[in-house]
Amino acid sequence: MNEKQTLMKKINESSFAMNDTALYLDTHPNDESALEYYQKCVSARREATCLYNNKFGPLQIDQVEGTNHWHWIHDPWPWETGGNC
């Protein structure tokens, strides 16, 4: 697995864990260990997303930052690379 795939895997795993924990917290809002775990997942996702964005470009449209050129379109789309991240 290359670095791009590894970062994407970490983003997907932390996103899943974050969403799953949020669902749990909907019914257990005072579970402090779950709240801590949720924050850990948020932090891991944020860190992995930041690394990915810096090395490979934005994953989402709101992550395109401060330029005077719309470079979102320069990289191949997922279907142009065989669906591999």
PDB file of N, CA and C in Angstrom:
ATOM      1  N   MET A   1       0.848  -1.169   0.000  1.00  0.00           N
ATOM      2  CA  MET A   1       0.000   0.000   0.000  1.00  0.00           C
ATOM      3  C   MET A   1       0.901   1.242   0.000  1.00  0.00           C
ATOM      4  N   ASN A   2       0.634   2.174  -0.898  1.00  0.00           N
ATOM      5  CA  ASN A   2       1.444   3.386  -0.942  1.00  0.00           C
ATOM      6  C   ASN A   2       0.948   4.419   0.079  1.00  0.00           C
ATOM      7  N   GLU A   3       1.674   5.510   0.190  1.00  0.00           N
ATOM      8  CA  GLU A   3       1.361   6.512   1.210  1.00  0.00           C
ATOM      9  C   GLU A   3      -0.030   7.116   1.020  1.00  0.00           C
ATOM     10  N   LYS A   4      -0.410   7.361  -0.219  1.00  0.00           N
ATOM     11  CA  LYS A   4      -1.718   7.935  -0.506  1.00  0.00           C
ATOM     12  C   LYS A   4      -2.830   6.986  -0.041  1.00  0.00           C
ATOM     13  N   GLN A   5      -2.680   5.709  -0.339  1.00  0.00           N
ATOM     14  CA  GLN A   5      -3.669   4.715   0.072  1.00  0.00           C
ATOM     15  C   GLN A   5      -3.701   4.564   1.597  1.00  0.00           C
ATOM     16  N   THR A   6      -2.531   4.608   2.211  1.00  0.00           N
ATOM     17  CA  THR A   6      -2.452   4.489   3.670  1.00  0.00           C
ATOM     18  C   THR A   6      -3.170   5.647   4.357  1.00  0.00           C
ATOM     19  N   LEU A   7      -2.948   6.869   3.868  1.00  0.00           N
ATOM     20  CA  LEU A   7      -3.628   8.034   4.454  1.00  0.00           C
ATOM     21  C   LEU A   7      -5.134   7.953   4.224  1.00  0.00           C
ATOM     22  N   MET A   8      -5.549   7.527   3.034  1.00  0.00           N
ATOM     23  CA  MET A   8      -6.973   7.409   2.750  1.00  0.00           C
ATOM     24  C   MET A   8      -7.614   6.360   3.653  1.00  0.00           C
ATOM     25  N   LYS A   9      -6.911   5.271   3.909  1.00  0.00           N
ATOM     26  CA  LYS A   9      -7.401   4.229   4.812  1.00  0.00           C
ATOM     27  C   LYS A   9      -7.576   4.788   6.223  1.00  0.00           C
ATOM     28  N   LYS A  10      -6.598   5.571   6.675  1.00  0.00           N
ATOM     29  CA  LYS A  10      -6.686   6.168   8.011  1.00  0.00           C
ATOM     30  C   LYS A  10      -7.856   7.149   8.093  1.00  0.00           C
ATOM     31  N   ILE A  11      -8.072   7.927   7.047  1.00  0.00           N
ATOM     32  CA  ILE A  11      -9.200   8.863   7.012  1.00  0.00           C
ATOM     33  C   ILE A  11     -10.517   8.095   7.076  1.00  0.00           C
ATOM     34  N   ASN A  12     -10.625   7.040   6.297  1.00  0.00           N
ATOM     35  CA  ASN A  12     -11.861   6.252   6.283  1.00  0.00           C
ATOM     36  C   ASN A  12     -12.111   5.568   7.619  1.00  0.00           C
ATOM     37  N   GLU A  13     -11.069   5.001   8.208  1.00  0.00           N
ATOM     38  CA  GLU A  13     -11.224   4.322   9.494  1.00  0.00           C
ATOM     39  C   GLU A  13     -11.603   5.295  10.606  1.00  0.00           C
ATOM     40  N   SER A  14     -10.933   6.426  10.660  1.00  0.00           N
ATOM     41  CA  SER A  14     -11.238   7.387  11.717  1.00  0.00           C
ATOM     42  C   SER A  14     -12.611   8.022  11.496  1.00  0.00           C
ATOM     43  N   SER A  15     -13.010   8.208  10.241  1.00  0.00           N
ATOM     44  CA  SER A  15     -14.346   8.740   9.942  1.00  0.00           C
ATOM     45  C   SER A  15     -15.416   7.761  10.404  1.00  0.00           C
ATOM     46  N   PHE A  16     -15.215   6.481  10.108  1.00  0.00           N
ATOM     47  CA  PHE A  16     -16.178   5.464  10.532  1.00  0.00           C
ATOM     48  C   PHE A  16     -16.287   5.425  12.052  1.00  0.00           C
ATOM     49  N   ALA A  17     -15.143   5.402  12.722  1.00  0.00           N
ATOM     50  CA  ALA A  17     -15.144   5.345  14.187  1.00  0.00           C
ATOM     51  C   ALA A  17     -15.797   6.588  14.784  1.00  0.00           C
ATOM     52  N   MET A  18     -15.530   7.731  14.198  1.00  0.00           N
ATOM     53  CA  MET A  18     -16.107   8.981  14.673  1.00  0.00           C
ATOM     54  C   MET A  18     -17.632   8.951  14.527  1.00  0.00           C
ATOM     55  N   ASN A  19     -18.121   8.531  13.352  1.00  0.00           N
ATOM     56  CA  ASN A  19     -19.569   8.475  13.120  1.00  0.00           C
ATOM     57  C   ASN A  19     -20.240   7.429  13.996  1.00  0.00           C
ATOM     58  N   ASP A  20     -19.601   6.283  14.151  1.00  0.00           N
ATOM     59  CA  ASP A  20     -20.162   5.224  14.984  1.00  0.00           C
ATOM     60  C   ASP A  20     -20.245   5.677  16.444  1.00  0.00           C
ATOM     61  N   THR A  21     -19.209   6.340  16.915  1.00  0.00           N
ATOM     62  CA  THR A  21     -19.203   6.836  18.290  1.00  0.00           C
ATOM     63  C   THR A  21     -20.241   7.936  18.482  1.00  0.00           C
ATOM     64  N   ALA A  22     -20.429   8.767  17.468  1.00  0.00           N
ATOM     65  CA  ALA A  22     -21.457   9.815  17.554  1.00  0.00           C
ATOM     66  C   ALA A  22     -22.844   9.196  17.707  1.00  0.00           C
ATOM     67  N   LEU A  23     -23.097   8.105  17.003  1.00  0.00           N
ATOM     68  CA  LEU A  23     -24.383   7.422  17.144  1.00  0.00           C
ATOM     69  C   LEU A  23     -24.553   6.883  18.565  1.00  0.00           C
ATOM     70  N   TYR A  24     -23.499   6.307  19.101  1.00  0.00           N
ATOM     71  CA  TYR A  24     -23.534   5.806  20.476  1.00  0.00           C
ATOM     72  C   TYR A  24     -23.810   6.949  21.455  1.00  0.00           C
ATOM     73  N   LEU A  25     -23.128   8.076  21.225  1.00  0.00           N
ATOM     74  CA  LEU A  25     -23.287   9.222  22.129  1.00  0.00           C
ATOM     75  C   LEU A  25     -24.690   9.815  22.068  1.00  0.00           C
ATOM     76  N   ASP A  26     -25.402   9.589  20.969  1.00  0.00           N
ATOM     77  CA  ASP A  26     -26.789  10.058  20.886  1.00  0.00           C
ATOM     78  C   ASP A  26     -27.646   9.424  21.975  1.00  0.00           C
ATOM     79  N   THR A  27     -27.304   8.206  22.365  1.00  0.00           N
ATOM     80  CA  THR A  27     -28.094   7.513  23.393  1.00  0.00           C
ATOM     81  C   THR A  27     -27.369   7.418  24.736  1.00  0.00           C
ATOM     82  N   HIS A  28     -26.090   7.795  24.751  1.00  0.00           N
ATOM     83  CA  HIS A  28     -25.289   7.750  25.981  1.00  0.00           C
ATOM     84  C   HIS A  28     -24.467   9.049  26.108  1.00  0.00           C
ATOM     85  N   PRO A  29     -25.135  10.188  26.185  1.00  0.00           N
ATOM     86  CA  PRO A  29     -24.435  11.476  26.111  1.00  0.00           C
ATOM     87  C   PRO A  29     -23.492  11.776  27.279  1.00  0.00           C
ATOM     88  N   ASN A  30     -23.594  11.044  28.363  1.00  0.00           N
ATOM     89  CA  ASN A  30     -22.746  11.316  29.531  1.00  0.00           C
ATOM     90  C   ASN A  30     -21.604  10.324  29.690  1.00  0.00           C
ATOM     91  N   ASP A  31     -21.396   9.486  28.692  1.00  0.00           N
ATOM     92  CA  ASP A  31     -20.323   8.494  28.752  1.00  0.00           C
ATOM     93  C   ASP A  31     -18.985   9.195  28.456  1.00  0.00           C
ATOM     94  N   GLU A  32     -18.244   9.487  29.510  1.00  0.00           N
ATOM     95  CA  GLU A  32     -17.000  10.255  29.368  1.00  0.00           C
ATOM     96  C   GLU A  32     -15.945   9.535  28.539  1.00  0.00           C
ATOM     97  N   SER A  33     -15.856   8.224  28.672  1.00  0.00           N
ATOM     98  CA  SER A  33     -14.855   7.497  27.877  1.00  0.00           C
ATOM     99  C   SER A  33     -15.224   7.531  26.394  1.00  0.00           C
ATOM    100  N   ALA A  34     -16.508   7.495  26.086  1.00  0.00           N
ATOM    101  CA  ALA A  34     -16.946   7.601  24.692  1.00  0.00           C
ATOM    102  C   ALA A  34     -16.673   9.004  24.146  1.00  0.00           C
ATOM    103  N   LEU A  35     -16.881  10.014  24.978  1.00  0.00           N
ATOM    104  CA  LEU A  35     -16.577  11.385  24.562  1.00  0.00           C
ATOM    105  C   LEU A  35     -15.089  11.561  24.271  1.00  0.00           C
ATOM    106  N   GLU A  36     -14.245  10.970  25.125  1.00  0.00           N
ATOM    107  CA  GLU A  36     -12.798  11.024  24.898  1.00  0.00           C
ATOM    108  C   GLU A  36     -12.417  10.306  23.604  1.00  0.00           C
ATOM    109  N   TYR A  37     -13.012   9.129  23.399  1.00  0.00           N
ATOM    110  CA  TYR A  37     -12.732   8.362  22.196  1.00  0.00           C
ATOM    111  C   TYR A  37     -13.173   9.131  20.949  1.00  0.00           C
ATOM    112  N   TYR A  38     -14.335   9.781  21.020  1.00  0.00           N
ATOM    113  CA  TYR A  38     -14.830  10.590  19.917  1.00  0.00           C
ATOM    114  C   TYR A  38     -13.825  11.698  19.570  1.00  0.00           C
ATOM    115  N   GLN A  39     -13.334  12.393  20.580  1.00  0.00           N
ATOM    116  CA  GLN A  39     -12.353  13.463  20.346  1.00  0.00           C
ATOM    117  C   GLN A  39     -11.059  12.910  19.736  1.00  0.00           C
ATOM    118  N   LYS A  40     -10.656  11.732  20.173  1.00  0.00           N
ATOM    119  CA  LYS A  40      -9.473  11.083  19.612  1.00  0.00           C
ATOM    120  C   LYS A  40      -9.690  10.782  18.122  1.00  0.00           C
ATOM    121  N   CYS A  41     -10.876  10.301  17.781  1.00  0.00           N
ATOM    122  CA  CYS A  41     -11.205  10.008  16.381  1.00  0.00           C
ATOM    123  C   CYS A  41     -11.232  11.276  15.535  1.00  0.00           C
ATOM    124  N   VAL A  42     -11.827  12.324  16.072  1.00  0.00           N
ATOM    125  CA  VAL A  42     -11.878  13.609  15.370  1.00  0.00           C
ATOM    126  C   VAL A  42     -10.465  14.112  15.102  1.00  0.00           C
ATOM    127  N   SER A  43      -9.618  14.038  16.104  1.00  0.00           N
ATOM    128  CA  SER A  43      -8.233  14.490  15.971  1.00  0.00           C
ATOM    129  C   SER A  43      -7.476  13.656  14.938  1.00  0.00           C
ATOM    130  N   ALA A  44      -7.645  12.341  14.986  1.00  0.00           N
ATOM    131  CA  ALA A  44      -6.958  11.462  14.029  1.00  0.00           C
ATOM    132  C   ALA A  44      -7.418  11.743  12.607  1.00  0.00           C
ATOM    133  N   ARG A  45      -8.714  11.968  12.435  1.00  0.00           N
ATOM    134  CA  ARG A  45      -9.243  12.268  11.099  1.00  0.00           C
ATOM    135  C   ARG A  45      -8.722  13.608  10.597  1.00  0.00           C
ATOM    136  N   ARG A  46      -8.734  14.592  11.470  1.00  0.00           N
ATOM    137  CA  ARG A  46      -8.257  15.931  11.099  1.00  0.00           C
ATOM    138  C   ARG A  46      -6.785  15.888  10.690  1.00  0.00           C
ATOM    139  N   GLU A  47      -5.971  15.169  11.459  1.00  0.00           N
ATOM    140  CA  GLU A  47      -4.547  15.061  11.163  1.00  0.00           C
ATOM    141  C   GLU A  47      -4.315  14.339   9.830  1.00  0.00           C
ATOM    142  N   ALA A  48      -4.994  13.221   9.622  1.00  0.00           N
ATOM    143  CA  ALA A  48      -4.819  12.458   8.386  1.00  0.00           C
ATOM    144  C   ALA A  48      -5.306  13.251   7.170  1.00  0.00           C
ATOM    145  N   THR A  49      -6.413  13.961   7.334  1.00  0.00           N
ATOM    146  CA  THR A  49      -6.944  14.773   6.237  1.00  0.00           C
ATOM    147  C   THR A  49      -5.991  15.905   5.888  1.00  0.00           C
ATOM    148  N   CYS A  50      -5.427  16.535   6.891  1.00  0.00           N
ATOM    149  CA  CYS A  50      -4.468  17.617   6.677  1.00  0.00           C
ATOM    150  C   CYS A  50      -3.235  17.099   5.933  1.00  0.00           C
ATOM    151  N   LEU A  51      -2.701  15.963   6.382  1.00  0.00           N
ATOM    152  CA  LEU A  51      -1.550  15.363   5.699  1.00  0.00           C
ATOM    153  C   LEU A  51      -1.884  15.025   4.259  1.00  0.00           C
ATOM    154  N   TYR A  52      -3.046  14.438   4.047  1.00  0.00           N
ATOM    155  CA  TYR A  52      -3.468  14.068   2.694  1.00  0.00           C
ATOM    156  C   TYR A  52      -3.578  15.323   1.826  1.00  0.00           C
ATOM    157  N   ASN A  53      -4.244  16.341   2.338  1.00  0.00           N
ATOM    158  CA  ASN A  53      -4.423  17.582   1.573  1.00  0.00           C
ATOM    159  C   ASN A  53      -3.083  18.217   1.205  1.00  0.00           C
ATOM    160  N   ASN A  54      -2.142  18.215   2.125  1.00  0.00           N
ATOM    161  CA  ASN A  54      -0.837  18.823   1.864  1.00  0.00           C
ATOM    162  C   ASN A  54      -0.024  18.048   0.834  1.00  0.00           C
ATOM    163  N   LYS A  55      -0.174  16.723   0.822  1.00  0.00           N
ATOM    164  CA  LYS A  55       0.627  15.897  -0.081  1.00  0.00           C
ATOM    165  C   LYS A  55      -0.045  15.601  -1.405  1.00  0.00           C
ATOM    166  N   PHE A  56      -1.370  15.449  -1.391  1.00  0.00           N
ATOM    167  CA  PHE A  56      -2.060  14.958  -2.581  1.00  0.00           C
ATOM    168  C   PHE A  56      -3.192  15.846  -3.073  1.00  0.00           C
ATOM    169  N   GLY A  57      -3.463  16.919  -2.363  1.00  0.00           N
ATOM    170  CA  GLY A  57      -4.526  17.825  -2.764  1.00  0.00           C
ATOM    171  C   GLY A  57      -5.798  17.595  -1.961  1.00  0.00           C
ATOM    172  N   PRO A  58      -6.761  18.489  -2.135  1.00  0.00           N
ATOM    173  CA  PRO A  58      -7.982  18.440  -1.334  1.00  0.00           C
ATOM    174  C   PRO A  58      -8.856  17.240  -1.675  1.00  0.00           C
ATOM    175  N   LEU A  59      -9.522  16.719  -0.644  1.00  0.00           N
ATOM    176  CA  LEU A  59     -10.481  15.633  -0.824  1.00  0.00           C
ATOM    177  C   LEU A  59     -11.890  16.172  -1.043  1.00  0.00           C
ATOM    178  N   GLN A  60     -12.165  17.336  -0.489  1.00  0.00           N
ATOM    179  CA  GLN A  60     -13.488  17.927  -0.596  1.00  0.00           C
ATOM    180  C   GLN A  60     -13.356  19.361  -1.075  1.00  0.00           C
ATOM    181  N   ILE A  61     -14.404  19.842  -1.693  1.00  0.00           N
ATOM    182  CA  ILE A  61     -14.389  21.158  -2.311  1.00  0.00           C
ATOM    183  C   ILE A  61     -14.077  22.274  -1.310  1.00  0.00           C
ATOM    184  N   ASP A  62     -14.496  22.129  -0.062  1.00  0.00           N
ATOM    185  CA  ASP A  62     -14.247  23.185   0.922  1.00  0.00           C
ATOM    186  C   ASP A  62     -12.814  23.171   1.443  1.00  0.00           C
ATOM    187  N   GLN A  63     -11.998  22.243   0.954  1.00  0.00           N
ATOM    188  CA  GLN A  63     -10.603  22.178   1.368  1.00  0.00           C
ATOM    189  C   GLN A  63      -9.663  22.843   0.355  1.00  0.00           C
ATOM    190  N   VAL A  64     -10.212  23.366  -0.719  1.00  0.00           N
ATOM    191  CA  VAL A  64      -9.415  24.134  -1.673  1.00  0.00           C
ATOM    192  C   VAL A  64      -9.145  25.471  -1.016  1.00  0.00           C
ATOM    193  N   GLU A  65      -7.869  25.782  -0.826  1.00  0.00           N
ATOM    194  CA  GLU A  65      -7.533  26.974  -0.055  1.00  0.00           C
ATOM    195  C   GLU A  65      -6.873  28.057  -0.895  1.00  0.00           C
ATOM    196  N   GLY A  66      -7.026  29.275  -0.415  1.00  0.00           N
ATOM    197  CA  GLY A  66      -6.473  30.526  -0.858  1.00  0.00           C
ATOM    198  C   GLY A  66      -5.562  30.576  -2.063  1.00  0.00           C
ATOM    199  N   THR A  67      -6.113  30.437  -3.221  1.00  0.00           N
ATOM    200  CA  THR A  67      -5.336  30.660  -4.432  1.00  0.00           C
ATOM    201  C   THR A  67      -6.153  31.538  -5.353  1.00  0.00           C
ATOM    202  N   ASN A  68      -5.500  32.046  -6.374  1.00  0.00           N
ATOM    203  CA  ASN A  68      -6.241  32.810  -7.368  1.00  0.00           C
ATOM    204  C   ASN A  68      -6.473  31.954  -8.614  1.00  0.00           C
ATOM    205  N   HIS A  69      -6.272  30.635  -8.464  1.00  0.00           N
ATOM    206  CA  HIS A  69      -6.471  29.705  -9.569  1.00  0.00           C
ATOM    207  C   HIS A  69      -7.225  28.482  -9.061  1.00  0.00           C
ATOM    208  N   TRP A  70      -8.215  28.073  -9.785  1.00  0.00           N
ATOM    209  CA  TRP A  70      -9.028  26.921  -9.395  1.00  0.00           C
ATOM    210  C   TRP A  70      -8.335  25.646  -9.857  1.00  0.00           C
ATOM    211  N   HIS A  71      -7.463  25.088  -8.989  1.00  0.00           N
ATOM    212  CA  HIS A  71      -6.658  23.931  -9.364  1.00  0.00           C
ATOM    213  C   HIS A  71      -7.273  22.598  -8.982  1.00  0.00           C
ATOM    214  N   TRP A  72      -8.484  22.613  -8.488  1.00  0.00           N
ATOM    215  CA  TRP A  72      -9.209  21.405  -8.097  1.00  0.00           C
ATOM    216  C   TRP A  72      -9.270  20.411  -9.264  1.00  0.00           C
ATOM    217  N   ILE A  73      -9.301  20.911 -10.482  1.00  0.00           N
ATOM    218  CA  ILE A  73      -9.525  20.059 -11.651  1.00  0.00           C
ATOM    219  C   ILE A  73      -8.255  19.485 -12.262  1.00  0.00           C
ATOM    220  N   HIS A  74      -7.086  19.793 -11.730  1.00  0.00           N
ATOM    221  CA  HIS A  74      -5.843  19.354 -12.359  1.00  0.00           C
ATOM    222  C   HIS A  74      -5.502  17.887 -12.140  1.00  0.00           C
ATOM    223  N   ASP A  75      -5.895  17.316 -11.037  1.00  0.00           N
ATOM    224  CA  ASP A  75      -5.608  15.907 -10.779  1.00  0.00           C
ATOM    225  C   ASP A  75      -6.660  15.034 -11.457  1.00  0.00           C
ATOM    226  N   PRO A  76      -6.300  13.794 -11.762  1.00  0.00           N
ATOM    227  CA  PRO A  76      -7.294  12.905 -12.367  1.00  0.00           C
ATOM    228  C   PRO A  76      -8.423  12.588 -11.393  1.00  0.00           C
ATOM    229  N   TRP A  77      -9.604  12.404 -11.920  1.00  0.00           N
ATOM    230  CA  TRP A  77     -10.757  12.014 -11.121  1.00  0.00           C
ATOM    231  C   TRP A  77     -10.623  10.535 -10.780  1.00  0.00           C
ATOM    232  N   PRO A  78     -11.266  10.072  -9.703  1.00  0.00           N
ATOM    233  CA  PRO A  78     -11.119   8.660  -9.294  1.00  0.00           C
ATOM    234  C   PRO A  78     -11.405   7.668 -10.416  1.00  0.00           C
ATOM    235  N   TRP A  79     -12.409   7.948 -11.265  1.00  0.00           N
ATOM    236  CA  TRP A  79     -12.747   7.026 -12.344  1.00  0.00           C
ATOM    237  C   TRP A  79     -11.713   7.052 -13.473  1.00  0.00           C
ATOM    238  N   GLU A  80     -10.859   8.057 -13.482  1.00  0.00           N
ATOM    239  CA  GLU A  80      -9.801   8.136 -14.491  1.00  0.00           C
ATOM    240  C   GLU A  80      -8.546   7.376 -14.070  1.00  0.00           C
ATOM    241  N   THR A  81      -8.499   6.945 -12.825  1.00  0.00           N
ATOM    242  CA  THR A  81      -7.327   6.206 -12.330  1.00  0.00           C
ATOM    243  C   THR A  81      -7.696   4.797 -11.916  1.00  0.00           C
ATOM    244  N   GLY A  82      -8.796   4.307 -12.378  1.00  0.00           N
ATOM    245  CA  GLY A  82      -9.211   2.955 -12.027  1.00  0.00           C
ATOM    246  C   GLY A  82      -9.855   2.867 -10.656  1.00  0.00           C
ATOM    247  N   GLY A  83     -10.250   3.996 -10.085  1.00  0.00           N
ATOM    248  CA  GLY A  83     -10.922   3.985  -8.792  1.00  0.00           C
ATOM    249  C   GLY A  83     -10.005   3.902  -7.598  1.00  0.00           C
ATOM    250  N   ASN A  84      -8.707   3.858  -7.813  1.00  0.00           N
ATOM    251  CA  ASN A  84      -7.764   3.799  -6.678  1.00  0.00           C
ATOM    252  C   ASN A  84      -7.506   5.194  -6.166  1.00  0.00           C
ATOM    253  N   CYS A  85      -7.432   5.300  -4.874  1.00  0.00           N
ATOM    254  CA  CYS A  85      -7.141   6.602  -4.251  1.00  0.00           C
ATOM    255  C   CYS A  85      -5.668   6.874  -4.275  1.00  0.00           C
TER     256      CYS A  85
END
